[in-house]
Amino acid sequence: MKKPDSLVPATPTVQVIERIFTLLEILATREEALSLKEISEKSGLHPSTAHRILNDLATGRFVDRPATGNYRLGMRLLELGNLVKARLNVRDAALIPMRELHKLTQQPVNLSMRQGDEIVYVERAYSERSGMQVVRAIGGRAPLHLTSVGKLFLASDDPQRLRTYAARTGLPGQTRNSITELPILERELSKARQYGIARDNEELEMGVRCMAAGIYDDQSQLVAGLSISAPADRLDEQWLPKLQATANEISATLGYRFR
């Protein structure tokens, strides 16, 4: 027997949220679309109440309506789920390999992701006992074109998106080495695409150089970058193969298939 909606002991706002969760959970139990009648019976909500909430969810693409009166989970949930999956899984997959790479180099290893026109440092491996180091704060941000990881993301963009980025940001510089002209940046990104490695040659901060390799997910999408930061005179090119191998190890954990 259907329980009257008025019997739910909750404030209006909490009640609506609880009903949304209930409807999404019901839709998640079946791959095919469910009818409004069936959803109403399973949720205990009056058809008009369920219909109103489902239509609001459909407006935000959280629910799809493949046919009149039928509903299923929408693509927006998949999009949000993929974002969470990428952020959480990358960090979890990267942490131990990052620590191993740090032991080898004795320099900080950074995990960064793109957010709009910047990269964000989401994890790091370093030792407070390892003398002079370049440590990037977790949560810190930097422009894409001034960082090694940021260049990897720009290199993965098509030419029009790159030009749009340059026009939108103006390619501001931070040091005398900063790349602030689009043609020079395009040449730099061409090398990054060719070799799968990008560099920051004292472009964000004088006295600091970085090298980065990309991390890819099971859809072959660039989701993060792994970088080694060091004082300019200490960055060792012999670290490069291990950096690439470590990034590949993390990508493999995320399901990336190497061709």
Foldseek 3Di string as FASTA:
>chain_A
DQDELVPPPDDPVVSLVVLLVLLQVVLVVDPDWDFLVVSCVSSSYDSVVSVVSQVVCVVVQQWDDPDVRIIHGGCVVVVVVVLVCLVVLLCVLQPVLQQVLCVVQQEKKFKWFDDPQKIFTQDIHHDPPSPDYDDDDHRDIDGLQQAFFSLQVLLPDDPVVNVVSCVVVQQDWDDPPADRDVVVSVVQSVVCVVPQKHKRQCGNHPQKIKMKHFAAAQVRDGGIIMMTMGGNVRDDPVSVVSRHVSSVSSNVSRNHDDD
